[in-house]
Amino acid sequence: MPLFYKEILDYFKEVRNGYPDVYNSDLILWNNKEITIESKSIFWKCLFEKGIYFVQDLLNTDGKFLSLEIVKRKYNVQLNYLKYFQLIAAIPNDLKRKAQATGVTNSNIFDEWDTFRLKTSLFL
């Protein structure tokens, strides 16, 4: 690997280690290497677009998984029984316990602090 790329990776690691993981990124549902179905990480656009990002988004205030009917009503999403329970079953027990201990999240991972201004009218 060229020195330039090694230095970039080192700088990234240094910056990354300097900030806490405020989003509990291991609890993000989508494209998570720990949450898999048939050994593949998952991304269900229909749930993502409705604001379901974290394992905690599927929990009630007591740390129990929401029923399918509550998920459908709360997020206004069409989801069948088998698909919902497939998602819950895909979450490893250690992540379920961590999510229950962390509690329900109200944070939006796409807030203004994650926006970068490229120029006056263009944001990333």
N, C-alpha and C. Protein backbone atom coordinates (compact mmCIF):
# COMPACT_ATOMS: atom_id res chain seq x y z
N MET A 1 0.85 -1.17 0.00
CA MET A 1 0.00 0.00 0.00
C MET A 1 0.90 1.24 0.00
N PRO A 2 0.60 2.20 -0.85
CA PRO A 2 1.41 3.42 -0.89
C PRO A 2 1.37 4.18 0.44
N LEU A 3 2.44 4.85 0.75
CA LEU A 3 2.57 5.59 2.00
C LEU A 3 1.43 6.60 2.19
N PHE A 4 1.05 7.26 1.12
CA PHE A 4 -0.02 8.25 1.19
C PHE A 4 -1.29 7.65 1.80
N TYR A 5 -1.70 6.49 1.32
CA TYR A 5 -2.91 5.84 1.81
C TYR A 5 -2.76 5.37 3.26
N LYS A 6 -1.59 4.90 3.61
CA LYS A 6 -1.34 4.49 4.99
C LYS A 6 -1.48 5.68 5.93
N GLU A 7 -0.94 6.83 5.51
CA GLU A 7 -1.05 8.04 6.32
C GLU A 7 -2.51 8.49 6.46
N ILE A 8 -3.25 8.44 5.38
CA ILE A 8 -4.67 8.81 5.42
C ILE A 8 -5.41 7.92 6.41
N LEU A 9 -5.17 6.61 6.34
CA LEU A 9 -5.83 5.68 7.25
C LEU A 9 -5.41 5.94 8.70
N ASP A 10 -4.16 6.25 8.93
CA ASP A 10 -3.69 6.56 10.28
C ASP A 10 -4.37 7.82 10.81
N TYR A 11 -4.48 8.84 9.97
CA TYR A 11 -5.15 10.08 10.39
C TYR A 11 -6.62 9.83 10.69
N PHE A 12 -7.26 9.04 9.84
CA PHE A 12 -8.65 8.72 10.08
C PHE A 12 -8.82 7.98 11.41
N LYS A 13 -7.95 7.04 11.67
CA LYS A 13 -8.01 6.28 12.92
C LYS A 13 -7.82 7.20 14.11
N GLU A 14 -6.88 8.13 14.01
CA GLU A 14 -6.62 9.08 15.08
C GLU A 14 -7.85 9.96 15.34
N VAL A 15 -8.45 10.46 14.28
CA VAL A 15 -9.64 11.30 14.43
C VAL A 15 -10.80 10.47 14.98
N ARG A 16 -10.97 9.29 14.45
CA ARG A 16 -12.08 8.41 14.88
C ARG A 16 -11.97 8.06 16.36
N ASN A 17 -10.77 7.79 16.83
CA ASN A 17 -10.58 7.43 18.23
C ASN A 17 -10.74 8.63 19.17
N GLY A 18 -10.68 9.83 18.62
CA GLY A 18 -10.79 11.03 19.43
C GLY A 18 -12.22 11.42 19.76
N TYR A 19 -13.19 10.77 19.15
CA TYR A 19 -14.59 11.12 19.36
C TYR A 19 -15.37 9.89 19.81
N PRO A 20 -16.25 10.09 20.78
CA PRO A 20 -17.07 8.95 21.23
C PRO A 20 -18.08 8.55 20.16
N ASP A 21 -18.50 7.31 20.22
CA ASP A 21 -19.51 6.80 19.29
C ASP A 21 -20.89 7.15 19.85
N VAL A 22 -21.34 8.36 19.58
CA VAL A 22 -22.59 8.84 20.16
C VAL A 22 -23.81 8.13 19.58
N TYR A 23 -23.67 7.49 18.44
CA TYR A 23 -24.80 6.82 17.81
C TYR A 23 -24.87 5.34 18.13
N ASN A 24 -23.93 4.82 18.93
CA ASN A 24 -23.89 3.38 19.18
C ASN A 24 -23.98 2.66 17.83
N SER A 25 -23.02 2.90 17.00
CA SER A 25 -23.08 2.42 15.62
C SER A 25 -23.22 0.90 15.50
N ASP A 26 -22.84 0.17 16.53
CA ASP A 26 -23.04 -1.28 16.46
C ASP A 26 -24.51 -1.65 16.58
N LEU A 27 -25.36 -0.69 16.97
CA LEU A 27 -26.79 -0.95 17.10
C LEU A 27 -27.59 -0.47 15.90
N ILE A 28 -26.91 0.01 14.86
CA ILE A 28 -27.60 0.40 13.64
C ILE A 28 -28.06 -0.88 12.94
N LEU A 29 -29.30 -0.91 12.53
CA LEU A 29 -29.87 -2.12 11.93
C LEU A 29 -29.32 -2.42 10.54
N TRP A 30 -29.15 -1.40 9.73
CA TRP A 30 -28.91 -1.60 8.29
C TRP A 30 -27.44 -1.69 7.94
N ASN A 31 -27.13 -2.65 7.09
CA ASN A 31 -25.76 -2.90 6.64
C ASN A 31 -24.80 -3.15 7.79
N ASN A 32 -25.30 -3.78 8.81
CA ASN A 32 -24.52 -4.11 9.99
C ASN A 32 -24.03 -5.55 9.83
N LYS A 33 -22.73 -5.74 9.90
CA LYS A 33 -22.17 -7.08 9.67
C LYS A 33 -22.60 -8.09 10.72
N GLU A 34 -23.12 -7.62 11.85
CA GLU A 34 -23.57 -8.53 12.92
C GLU A 34 -25.04 -8.92 12.75
N ILE A 35 -25.81 -8.12 12.03
CA ILE A 35 -27.23 -8.39 11.84
C ILE A 35 -27.41 -8.89 10.41
N THR A 36 -27.58 -10.21 10.29
CA THR A 36 -27.60 -10.84 8.98
C THR A 36 -28.78 -11.79 8.81
N ILE A 37 -29.15 -11.95 7.56
CA ILE A 37 -30.11 -12.98 7.16
C ILE A 37 -29.43 -13.78 6.05
N GLU A 38 -29.32 -15.06 6.26
CA GLU A 38 -28.60 -15.96 5.35
C GLU A 38 -27.18 -15.45 5.10
N SER A 39 -26.53 -15.03 6.17
CA SER A 39 -25.14 -14.57 6.17
C SER A 39 -24.91 -13.29 5.38
N LYS A 40 -25.96 -12.52 5.14
CA LYS A 40 -25.82 -11.25 4.43
C LYS A 40 -26.42 -10.14 5.28
N SER A 41 -25.70 -9.02 5.38
CA SER A 41 -26.27 -7.87 6.08
C SER A 41 -27.48 -7.40 5.30
N ILE A 42 -28.35 -6.68 5.97
CA ILE A 42 -29.62 -6.32 5.34
C ILE A 42 -29.80 -4.81 5.27
N PHE A 43 -30.60 -4.40 4.33
CA PHE A 43 -31.05 -3.01 4.22
C PHE A 43 -32.44 -3.04 3.61
N TRP A 44 -33.42 -2.66 4.42
CA TRP A 44 -34.79 -2.61 3.95
C TRP A 44 -35.18 -1.14 3.83
N LYS A 45 -35.16 -0.67 2.61
CA LYS A 45 -35.41 0.74 2.33
C LYS A 45 -36.75 1.21 2.90
N CYS A 46 -37.77 0.37 2.83
CA CYS A 46 -39.10 0.77 3.31
C CYS A 46 -39.09 1.11 4.80
N LEU A 47 -38.29 0.42 5.59
CA LEU A 47 -38.21 0.72 7.02
C LEU A 47 -37.26 1.89 7.29
N PHE A 48 -36.17 1.94 6.56
CA PHE A 48 -35.21 3.03 6.71
C PHE A 48 -35.89 4.37 6.42
N GLU A 49 -36.67 4.43 5.36
CA GLU A 49 -37.35 5.67 4.98
C GLU A 49 -38.40 6.11 6.00
N LYS A 50 -38.86 5.18 6.82
CA LYS A 50 -39.85 5.51 7.85
C LYS A 50 -39.19 5.88 9.18
N GLY A 51 -37.85 5.91 9.22
CA GLY A 51 -37.16 6.35 10.43
C GLY A 51 -36.71 5.24 11.35
N ILE A 52 -36.71 4.02 10.89
CA ILE A 52 -36.23 2.90 11.69
C ILE A 52 -34.77 2.70 11.34
N TYR A 53 -33.89 3.12 12.25
CA TYR A 53 -32.44 3.06 12.01
C TYR A 53 -31.72 2.14 12.99
N PHE A 54 -32.17 2.12 14.24
CA PHE A 54 -31.48 1.43 15.32
C PHE A 54 -32.31 0.27 15.85
N VAL A 55 -31.65 -0.67 16.50
CA VAL A 55 -32.35 -1.75 17.19
C VAL A 55 -33.34 -1.15 18.18
N GLN A 56 -32.94 -0.07 18.86
CA GLN A 56 -33.81 0.56 19.86
C GLN A 56 -35.10 1.11 19.26
N ASP A 57 -35.11 1.38 17.98
CA ASP A 57 -36.33 1.89 17.34
C ASP A 57 -37.44 0.85 17.34
N LEU A 58 -37.07 -0.39 17.60
CA LEU A 58 -38.05 -1.48 17.65
C LEU A 58 -38.39 -1.88 19.08
N LEU A 59 -37.92 -1.09 20.05
CA LEU A 59 -38.16 -1.39 21.47
C LEU A 59 -39.15 -0.42 22.08
N ASN A 60 -39.89 -0.89 23.09
CA ASN A 60 -40.72 0.03 23.86
C ASN A 60 -39.91 0.57 25.03
N THR A 61 -40.51 1.37 25.86
CA THR A 61 -39.78 2.01 26.97
C THR A 61 -39.33 1.00 28.03
N ASP A 62 -39.91 -0.21 28.02
CA ASP A 62 -39.50 -1.26 28.96
C ASP A 62 -38.39 -2.14 28.38
N GLY A 63 -37.93 -1.84 27.16
CA GLY A 63 -36.86 -2.62 26.55
C GLY A 63 -37.34 -3.87 25.86
N LYS A 64 -38.63 -4.02 25.69
CA LYS A 64 -39.20 -5.17 24.98
C LYS A 64 -39.46 -4.79 23.53
N PHE A 65 -39.37 -5.77 22.64
CA PHE A 65 -39.64 -5.49 21.24
C PHE A 65 -41.11 -5.15 21.05
N LEU A 66 -41.34 -4.15 20.22
CA LEU A 66 -42.70 -3.73 19.90
C LEU A 66 -43.41 -4.84 19.14
N SER A 67 -44.71 -4.93 19.32
CA SER A 67 -45.48 -5.89 18.52
C SER A 67 -45.52 -5.39 17.08
N LEU A 68 -45.82 -6.30 16.18
CA LEU A 68 -45.90 -5.93 14.77
C LEU A 68 -46.94 -4.83 14.56
N GLU A 69 -48.07 -4.94 15.21
CA GLU A 69 -49.13 -3.94 15.03
C GLU A 69 -48.68 -2.56 15.49
N ILE A 70 -47.95 -2.50 16.58
CA ILE A 70 -47.45 -1.21 17.07
C ILE A 70 -46.42 -0.63 16.11
N VAL A 71 -45.53 -1.46 15.58
CA VAL A 71 -44.54 -0.99 14.61
C VAL A 71 -45.25 -0.43 13.39
N LYS A 72 -46.24 -1.13 12.89
CA LYS A 72 -46.96 -0.68 11.71
C LYS A 72 -47.67 0.65 11.96
N ARG A 73 -48.25 0.80 13.13
CA ARG A 73 -48.97 2.03 13.47
C ARG A 73 -47.99 3.18 13.76
N LYS A 74 -46.96 2.91 14.55
CA LYS A 74 -46.00 3.95 14.96
C LYS A 74 -45.24 4.53 13.77
N TYR A 75 -44.82 3.66 12.85
CA TYR A 75 -43.99 4.10 11.73
C TYR A 75 -44.76 4.18 10.41
N ASN A 76 -46.06 3.88 10.46
CA ASN A 76 -46.89 3.93 9.26
C ASN A 76 -46.24 3.14 8.11
N VAL A 77 -45.96 1.89 8.39
CA VAL A 77 -45.26 1.04 7.43
C VAL A 77 -46.05 -0.26 7.22
N GLN A 78 -46.00 -0.76 5.99
CA GLN A 78 -46.61 -2.05 5.68
C GLN A 78 -45.54 -3.12 5.85
N LEU A 79 -45.78 -4.05 6.73
CA LEU A 79 -44.81 -5.08 7.06
C LEU A 79 -45.57 -6.33 7.46
N ASN A 80 -45.16 -7.48 6.96
CA ASN A 80 -45.87 -8.69 7.36
C ASN A 80 -45.16 -9.36 8.55
N TYR A 81 -45.89 -10.25 9.17
CA TYR A 81 -45.45 -10.94 10.38
C TYR A 81 -44.11 -11.64 10.17
N LEU A 82 -43.98 -12.40 9.10
CA LEU A 82 -42.76 -13.18 8.87
C LEU A 82 -41.54 -12.28 8.67
N LYS A 83 -41.70 -11.22 7.93
CA LYS A 83 -40.58 -10.31 7.67
C LYS A 83 -40.14 -9.61 8.96
N TYR A 84 -41.09 -9.17 9.77
CA TYR A 84 -40.76 -8.49 11.02
C TYR A 84 -40.02 -9.43 11.97
N PHE A 85 -40.51 -10.63 12.12
CA PHE A 85 -39.85 -11.55 13.03
C PHE A 85 -38.54 -12.10 12.47
N GLN A 86 -38.39 -12.09 11.17
CA GLN A 86 -37.10 -12.41 10.56
C GLN A 86 -36.08 -11.35 10.95
N LEU A 87 -36.49 -10.09 10.94
CA LEU A 87 -35.60 -9.00 11.33
C LEU A 87 -35.20 -9.13 12.80
N ILE A 88 -36.15 -9.35 13.66
CA ILE A 88 -35.85 -9.49 15.09
C ILE A 88 -34.94 -10.69 15.34
N ALA A 89 -35.20 -11.80 14.66
CA ALA A 89 -34.38 -13.00 14.84
C ALA A 89 -32.96 -12.80 14.32
N ALA A 90 -32.78 -11.89 13.38
CA ALA A 90 -31.45 -11.65 12.81
C ALA A 90 -30.55 -10.86 13.77
N ILE A 91 -31.13 -10.22 14.75
CA ILE A 91 -30.35 -9.41 15.70
C ILE A 91 -29.74 -10.35 16.75
N PRO A 92 -28.43 -10.40 16.86
CA PRO A 92 -27.79 -11.28 17.84
C PRO A 92 -28.20 -10.90 19.28
N ASN A 93 -28.21 -11.90 20.13
CA ASN A 93 -28.65 -11.68 21.52
C ASN A 93 -27.83 -10.62 22.24
N ASP A 94 -26.51 -10.57 22.00
CA ASP A 94 -25.71 -9.56 22.69
C ASP A 94 -26.10 -8.15 22.26
N LEU A 95 -26.47 -7.95 20.99
CA LEU A 95 -26.93 -6.63 20.55
C LEU A 95 -28.32 -6.32 21.10
N LYS A 96 -29.16 -7.35 21.22
CA LYS A 96 -30.48 -7.14 21.84
C LYS A 96 -30.33 -6.67 23.28
N ARG A 97 -29.43 -7.34 24.02
CA ARG A 97 -29.20 -6.95 25.42
C ARG A 97 -28.63 -5.54 25.52
N LYS A 98 -27.69 -5.20 24.64
CA LYS A 98 -27.09 -3.86 24.66
C LYS A 98 -28.15 -2.80 24.33
N ALA A 99 -28.99 -3.08 23.34
CA ALA A 99 -30.05 -2.13 22.98
C ALA A 99 -31.02 -1.95 24.13
N GLN A 100 -31.36 -3.04 24.81
CA GLN A 100 -32.27 -2.95 25.95
C GLN A 100 -31.66 -2.16 27.10
N ALA A 101 -30.36 -2.33 27.30
CA ALA A 101 -29.67 -1.59 28.36
C ALA A 101 -29.50 -0.12 28.00
N THR A 102 -29.35 0.17 26.71
CA THR A 102 -29.16 1.54 26.24
C THR A 102 -30.48 2.31 26.28
N GLY A 103 -31.56 1.64 26.01
CA GLY A 103 -32.87 2.28 26.03
C GLY A 103 -33.26 2.83 24.68
N VAL A 104 -34.47 3.33 24.63
CA VAL A 104 -35.04 3.86 23.39
C VAL A 104 -34.32 5.14 23.01
N THR A 105 -34.02 5.27 21.74
CA THR A 105 -33.33 6.46 21.25
C THR A 105 -34.32 7.41 20.60
N ASN A 106 -34.10 8.69 20.82
CA ASN A 106 -34.89 9.71 20.14
C ASN A 106 -34.05 10.47 19.14
N SER A 107 -32.80 10.06 19.00
CA SER A 107 -31.90 10.81 18.13
C SER A 107 -32.17 10.50 16.67
N ASN A 108 -31.93 11.49 15.86
CA ASN A 108 -32.03 11.33 14.42
C ASN A 108 -30.61 11.38 13.89
N ILE A 109 -30.19 10.32 13.22
CA ILE A 109 -28.80 10.28 12.78
C ILE A 109 -28.53 11.22 11.62
N PHE A 110 -29.57 11.82 11.09
CA PHE A 110 -29.40 12.75 9.98
C PHE A 110 -29.76 14.16 10.42
N ASP A 111 -29.10 14.63 11.44
CA ASP A 111 -29.40 15.98 11.91
C ASP A 111 -28.43 16.99 11.30
N GLU A 112 -28.64 18.24 11.65
CA GLU A 112 -27.85 19.31 11.04
C GLU A 112 -26.37 19.24 11.36
N TRP A 113 -25.97 18.57 12.44
CA TRP A 113 -24.57 18.49 12.80
C TRP A 113 -23.80 17.56 11.87
N ASP A 114 -24.51 16.72 11.15
CA ASP A 114 -23.86 15.80 10.23
C ASP A 114 -23.83 16.34 8.80
N THR A 115 -24.13 17.61 8.64
CA THR A 115 -24.19 18.22 7.33
C THR A 115 -22.92 19.01 7.08
N PHE A 116 -22.38 18.84 5.90
CA PHE A 116 -21.18 19.57 5.52
C PHE A 116 -21.53 20.51 4.38
N ARG A 117 -21.14 21.76 4.53
CA ARG A 117 -21.41 22.75 3.49
C ARG A 117 -20.26 22.73 2.49
N LEU A 118 -20.59 22.39 1.25
CA LEU A 118 -19.58 22.39 0.19
C LEU A 118 -19.44 23.76 -0.44
N LYS A 119 -20.58 24.43 -0.58
CA LYS A 119 -20.62 25.82 -1.03
C LYS A 119 -21.95 26.39 -0.56
N THR A 120 -22.22 27.62 -0.84
CA THR A 120 -23.38 28.30 -0.29
C THR A 120 -24.68 27.52 -0.42
N SER A 121 -24.91 26.90 -1.54
CA SER A 121 -26.18 26.23 -1.76
C SER A 121 -26.08 24.71 -1.84
N LEU A 122 -24.92 24.15 -1.53
CA LEU A 122 -24.73 22.72 -1.68
C LEU A 122 -24.26 22.11 -0.37
N PHE A 123 -25.05 21.17 0.15
CA PHE A 123 -24.72 20.51 1.41
C PHE A 123 -24.53 19.02 1.17
N LEU A 124 -23.73 18.41 2.00
CA LEU A 124 -23.49 16.97 1.94
C LEU A 124 -23.85 16.39 3.27
